[in-house]
């Protein structure tokens, strides 16, 4: 455990139980959200690569305009 996380948990442990539970619920939801984003990003890598290849091909064919 990092020192910063240990400091945060020590401070949280001093709070009343309902506040501890509220913070715990926020942390659990944030971790779950990060996992969902990571899975979604992982699944989209093939599509993103295909889109990037298409964009490069269009640019090389002179089909794009500068901003």
Protein backbone atom coordinates (compact mmCIF):
# COMPACT_ATOMS: atom_id res chain seq x y z
CA UNK A 1 0.00 0.00 0.00
CA UNK A 2 1.33 3.44 -0.84
CA UNK A 3 1.96 6.01 1.86
CA UNK A 4 -0.64 8.36 0.39
CA UNK A 5 -3.31 5.66 0.35
CA UNK A 6 -2.43 4.73 3.92
CA UNK A 7 -2.82 8.38 4.97
CA UNK A 8 -6.19 8.59 3.25
CA UNK A 9 -7.43 5.39 4.88
CA UNK A 10 -6.23 6.56 8.28
CA UNK A 11 -8.17 9.80 7.86
CA UNK A 12 -11.26 7.94 6.65
CA UNK A 13 -11.06 5.57 9.63
CA UNK A 14 -11.52 8.58 11.94
CA UNK A 15 -14.86 9.48 10.36
CA UNK A 16 -18.24 8.23 11.59
CA UNK A 17 -19.34 4.89 10.11
CA UNK A 18 -21.95 6.35 7.72
CA UNK A 19 -19.32 8.65 6.20
CA UNK A 20 -16.87 5.77 5.92
CA UNK A 21 -19.50 3.73 4.11
CA UNK A 22 -20.28 6.62 1.75
CA UNK A 23 -16.61 7.02 0.84
CA UNK A 24 -16.22 3.26 0.44
CA UNK A 25 -19.22 3.16 -1.92
CA UNK A 26 -17.72 5.98 -4.00
CA UNK A 27 -14.37 4.19 -4.22
CA UNK A 28 -15.94 0.86 -5.16
CA UNK A 29 -18.03 2.49 -7.90
CA UNK A 30 -15.01 4.37 -9.23
CA UNK A 31 -12.96 1.16 -9.40
CA UNK A 32 -15.81 -0.63 -11.18
CA UNK A 33 -16.12 2.26 -13.63
CA UNK A 34 -12.40 2.13 -14.40
CA UNK A 35 -12.66 -1.60 -15.06
CA UNK A 36 -15.60 -1.06 -17.42
CA UNK A 37 -13.67 1.63 -19.33
CA UNK A 38 -10.59 -0.58 -19.56
CA UNK A 39 -12.63 -3.48 -20.95
CA UNK A 40 -14.45 -1.23 -23.43
CA UNK A 41 -11.16 0.28 -24.60
CA UNK A 42 -9.57 -3.16 -24.90
CA UNK A 43 -12.46 -4.41 -27.02
CA UNK A 44 -12.32 -1.36 -29.30
CA UNK A 45 -8.63 -1.66 -30.25
CA UNK A 46 -9.33 -3.54 -33.49
CA UNK A 47 -11.95 -1.03 -34.59
CA UNK A 48 -9.75 1.92 -33.65
CA UNK A 49 -6.84 0.47 -35.62
CA UNK A 50 -9.09 -0.06 -38.64
CA UNK A 51 -10.39 3.50 -38.47
CA UNK A 52 -6.86 4.86 -38.14
CA UNK A 53 -5.74 2.85 -41.18
CA UNK A 54 -8.70 4.17 -43.17
CA UNK A 55 -7.94 7.75 -42.16
CA UNK A 56 -4.27 7.38 -43.15
CA UNK A 57 -5.24 5.85 -46.49
CA UNK A 58 -7.65 8.71 -47.20
CA UNK A 59 -4.98 11.25 -46.30
CA UNK A 60 -2.38 9.55 -48.50
CA UNK A 61 -4.89 9.49 -51.36
CA UNK A 62 -5.34 13.24 -51.01
CA UNK A 63 -8.94 12.96 -49.86
CA UNK A 64 -8.53 15.06 -46.72
CA UNK A 65 -8.37 18.80 -46.13
CA UNK A 66 -6.22 20.61 -43.56
CA UNK A 67 -8.01 22.31 -40.68
